[in-house]
Protein backbone atom coordinates (compact mmCIF):
# COMPACT_ATOMS: atom_id res chain seq x y z
CA MET A 1 3.11 33.69 7.36
CA ARG A 2 1.60 30.29 8.17
CA ARG A 3 1.12 29.55 4.45
CA ASN A 4 4.79 30.33 3.80
CA PHE A 5 5.74 28.03 6.68
CA LEU A 6 3.77 25.11 5.21
CA PHE A 7 4.98 25.82 1.69
CA LEU A 8 8.59 25.68 2.85
CA LEU A 9 7.88 22.37 4.55
CA MET A 10 6.53 20.99 1.27
CA LEU A 11 9.70 22.04 -0.56
CA ASN A 12 11.96 20.56 2.07
CA PHE A 13 10.20 17.23 2.57
CA LEU A 14 9.15 16.10 -0.91
CA PRO A 15 12.37 15.19 -2.75
CA ALA A 16 12.14 13.19 -5.93
CA LEU A 17 11.17 9.61 -5.06
CA LEU A 18 10.46 8.22 -8.45
CA PHE A 19 10.85 5.54 -9.46
CA SER A 20 10.74 2.08 -7.98
CA GLN A 21 12.77 -0.93 -8.95
CA GLN A 22 11.05 -3.83 -7.16
CA ASN A 23 8.01 -4.52 -5.01
CA ALA A 24 9.99 -3.50 -1.93
CA GLU A 25 9.83 0.05 -3.23
CA PHE A 26 6.27 0.30 -1.88
CA LYS A 27 7.64 -0.09 1.62
CA LYS A 28 10.43 2.36 0.87
CA VAL A 29 7.85 4.95 -0.18
CA LYS A 30 5.86 4.33 2.99
CA ILE A 31 8.91 4.64 5.23
CA HIS A 32 9.96 7.82 3.43
CA PHE A 33 6.61 9.54 3.85
CA GLU A 34 6.18 8.39 7.44
CA SER A 35 9.57 9.92 8.23
CA GLN A 36 8.72 13.20 6.50
CA LYS A 37 5.31 13.41 8.16
CA SER A 38 6.91 12.86 11.53
CA GLN A 39 9.36 15.69 10.91
CA ILE A 40 6.60 17.96 9.68
CA LEU A 41 4.49 17.19 12.76
CA THR A 42 7.44 18.00 15.02
CA ALA A 43 8.01 21.31 13.22
CA PHE A 44 4.30 22.13 13.41
CA LYS A 45 4.16 21.46 17.16
CA ARG A 46 7.24 23.58 17.73
CA GLU A 47 5.64 26.49 15.85
CA PHE A 48 2.16 25.90 17.30
CA VAL A 49 3.19 26.27 20.96
CA THR A 50 4.64 29.72 20.26
CA LYS A 51 1.19 31.08 19.34
CA ASN A 52 -0.99 32.58 22.04
CA ASP A 53 -4.02 33.77 20.10
CA PRO A 54 -6.73 31.00 20.05
CA ALA A 55 -8.05 32.08 16.65
CA GLU A 56 -4.56 32.02 15.15
CA LYS A 57 -3.90 28.58 16.63
CA ALA A 58 -7.21 27.25 15.28
CA GLY A 59 -6.41 28.58 11.80
CA MET A 60 -2.93 27.13 11.92
CA HIS A 61 -4.34 23.75 12.94
CA ARG A 62 -6.84 23.76 10.05
CA GLU A 63 -4.10 24.56 7.57
CA PHE A 64 -1.92 21.82 9.01
CA VAL A 65 -4.70 19.24 8.65
CA ASP A 66 -5.32 20.33 5.04
CA PHE A 67 -1.61 20.15 4.34
CA MET A 68 -1.32 16.61 5.69
CA LYS A 69 -4.26 15.52 3.52
CA LYS A 70 -2.37 16.86 0.52
CA MET A 71 0.67 14.89 1.65
CA ASP A 72 -1.49 11.75 1.74
CA SER A 73 -2.62 12.47 -1.81
CA VAL A 74 0.98 12.94 -2.99
CA GLN A 75 1.95 9.69 -1.26
CA ASN A 76 -0.87 7.86 -3.01
CA SER A 77 0.27 9.26 -6.36
CA VAL A 78 3.76 7.87 -5.74
CA TYR A 79 2.23 4.51 -4.82
CA ILE A 80 0.31 4.46 -8.10
CA ALA A 81 3.46 5.31 -10.06
CA THR A 82 5.25 2.50 -8.19
CA LEU A 83 2.42 0.09 -9.01
CA VAL A 84 2.67 0.88 -12.71
CA LYS A 85 6.43 0.26 -12.65
CA VAL A 86 6.11 -3.00 -10.72
CA LYS A 87 3.36 -4.32 -13.01
CA ASN A 88 5.42 -3.43 -16.08
CA ASP A 89 8.41 -5.29 -14.63
CA GLU A 90 6.26 -8.33 -13.89
CA ASP A 91 4.79 -8.32 -17.38
CA LEU A 92 8.28 -8.08 -18.88
CA ALA A 93 9.40 -11.03 -16.75
CA LYS A 94 6.52 -13.10 -18.09
CA LEU A 95 7.36 -12.19 -21.68
CA ASN A 96 10.94 -13.24 -21.08
CA ASN A 97 9.81 -16.51 -19.47
CA LEU A 98 11.56 -15.59 -16.25
CA GLU A 99 8.60 -16.46 -14.03
CA VAL A 100 8.11 -20.05 -12.88
CA ASN A 101 4.66 -21.58 -13.31
CA THR A 102 2.68 -20.57 -10.21
CA ASN A 103 0.59 -23.74 -10.36
CA GLU A 104 3.56 -26.11 -10.25
CA PHE A 105 2.24 -27.93 -7.16
CA HIS A 106 -1.08 -28.99 -8.69
CA ASP A 107 -0.78 -32.04 -10.98
CA GLY A 108 -3.00 -34.17 -8.72
CA TYR A 109 -0.98 -33.63 -5.54
CA THR A 110 -2.37 -32.34 -2.24
CA LEU A 111 -0.55 -29.59 -0.40
CA THR A 112 0.98 -30.43 2.94
CA LYS A 113 0.30 -26.87 4.05
CA ALA A 114 -1.34 -23.83 2.46
CA PRO A 115 0.36 -20.45 2.85
CA GLU A 116 -0.54 -18.54 6.00
CA TYR A 117 -0.23 -14.89 6.96
CA PRO A 118 1.02 -14.03 10.47
CA GLY A 119 -2.03 -13.49 12.65
CA GLY A 120 -4.34 -15.34 10.28
CA LEU A 121 -6.94 -14.31 7.73
CA ASN A 122 -8.58 -11.63 9.87
CA GLU A 123 -5.23 -9.90 10.41
CA LEU A 124 -4.53 -10.11 6.68
CA ARG A 125 -7.85 -8.44 5.88
CA ARG A 126 -7.30 -5.79 8.56
CA GLN A 127 -3.86 -4.84 7.27
CA ILE A 128 -5.13 -4.64 3.69
CA ALA A 129 -7.98 -2.38 4.82
CA ASP A 130 -5.52 -0.16 6.69
CA GLY A 131 -3.54 0.30 3.47
CA PHE A 132 -6.41 1.90 1.55
CA PHE A 133 -6.44 5.56 0.53
CA ALA A 134 -10.20 6.03 0.64
CA GLU A 135 -10.22 9.47 -1.00
CA THR A 136 -9.83 7.89 -4.43
CA VAL A 137 -13.11 5.94 -4.40
CA LEU A 138 -16.57 7.27 -5.18
CA PRO A 139 -17.98 9.06 -2.10
CA MET A 140 -21.60 8.05 -2.79
CA GLN A 141 -20.77 4.35 -2.74
CA LYS A 142 -20.55 2.79 0.72
CA GLN A 143 -19.53 -0.77 -0.12
CA PHE A 144 -16.82 -1.99 -2.46
CA LYS A 145 -16.02 -5.52 -3.58
CA THR A 146 -13.08 -6.97 -5.41
CA LEU A 147 -11.34 -10.32 -5.83
CA VAL A 148 -7.66 -9.97 -5.03
CA SER A 149 -5.19 -12.59 -6.20
CA PHE A 150 -1.43 -12.74 -5.81
CA VAL A 151 1.45 -15.17 -5.83
CA VAL A 152 2.98 -16.20 -2.54
CA GLU A 153 6.56 -16.94 -3.48
CA LYS A 154 8.68 -19.75 -2.05
CA ASP A 155 10.20 -17.34 0.47
CA GLY A 156 6.77 -16.03 1.53
CA SER A 157 7.02 -12.73 -0.32
CA ILE A 158 4.26 -11.45 -2.60
CA SER A 159 4.24 -10.83 -6.35
CA THR A 160 1.91 -10.54 -9.32
CA VAL A 161 -0.97 -8.89 -7.46
CA GLU A 162 -4.24 -8.52 -9.38
CA ALA A 163 -7.66 -7.19 -8.37
CA THR A 164 -10.94 -7.73 -10.22
CA GLY A 165 -13.97 -5.65 -9.34
CA GLU A 166 -16.40 -3.08 -10.73
CA ASN A 167 -14.65 -0.02 -9.26
CA HIS A 168 -11.26 0.55 -10.91
CA PRO A 169 -9.87 3.03 -8.33
CA PHE A 170 -10.80 0.56 -5.60
CA ASN A 171 -9.00 -2.24 -7.48
CA ILE A 172 -5.89 -0.05 -7.70
CA GLN A 173 -6.00 0.65 -3.97
CA ALA A 174 -6.48 -3.06 -3.23
CA MET A 175 -3.36 -3.96 -5.21
CA ILE A 176 -1.29 -1.25 -3.50
CA ALA A 177 -2.53 -2.35 -0.07
CA VAL A 178 -1.49 -5.95 -0.74
CA TYR A 179 1.97 -4.92 -1.94
CA LEU A 180 2.27 -2.86 1.27
CA LEU A 181 1.65 -5.81 3.60
CA PRO A 182 4.41 -5.56 6.23
CA ASN A 183 4.93 -9.28 6.81
CA LYS A 184 5.73 -12.32 4.70
CA PHE A 185 3.52 -15.38 4.45
CA SER A 186 4.67 -18.78 5.53
CA PRO A 187 4.89 -20.46 2.09
CA ALA A 188 2.86 -23.36 0.74
CA LEU A 189 4.47 -26.74 1.35
CA LEU A 190 4.32 -30.06 -0.44
CA ALA A 191 6.16 -32.86 1.38
CA GLY A 192 8.12 -30.18 3.23
CA ARG A 193 9.15 -28.41 0.01
CA PRO A 194 8.13 -24.72 -0.40
CA LEU A 195 6.17 -23.95 -3.55
CA LYS A 196 4.76 -20.89 -5.26
CA TYR A 197 1.04 -20.50 -4.65
CA ARG A 198 -1.67 -18.39 -6.28
CA TYR A 199 -3.64 -16.95 -3.36
CA THR A 200 -7.14 -15.52 -3.86
CA LEU A 201 -8.98 -13.32 -1.39
CA PRO A 202 -12.50 -11.89 -1.81
CA LEU A 203 -12.41 -8.42 -0.32
CA VAL A 204 -15.39 -6.35 0.82
CA LEU A 205 -14.89 -2.97 2.47
CA ASN A 206 -17.56 -0.71 3.92
CA PHE A 207 -17.01 3.03 4.25
CA ASP A 208 -19.15 4.94 6.73
């Protein structure tokens, strides 16, 4: 009975999400899954309190935890599909010469102000780390390194995220985590004028 209950939840709460149009689709996917998980948790609690047998409740809890892990995996799969779409769109924009040179402010000039993330560098690193789906990386490896780079646009939004490191799944997760950042940067400035800026961030994460 419990399995049927969870299976019905899966059918009800995983409508077709694919596919994204722009980078903002990462946030749309996150909002969608957070909403569905909240509804599933509410339904689980409602069903859980009706059970009196401790063994039955323990079994139901285990199945719920396993189910939510599967939801996380499905969510990550949608993120990866979104990443592929976004990267294809960005590559197409480059081929069509629609992207402005991201190094336009160089040419011997000094920036008035470099781009900044709300809360500073430590908050930026923390939010990127929170965006990782750790199940995709090798379990025997405890430390992962990658060099993340992205363009901070004139309005503070992010585009053209890249990650270079030895572990490809980790690079993928790093790019997704950057696209999922909830806040905009304050843009780079030159004489008060906002400019596009190629931001680089060495990233090291340790998994216990």
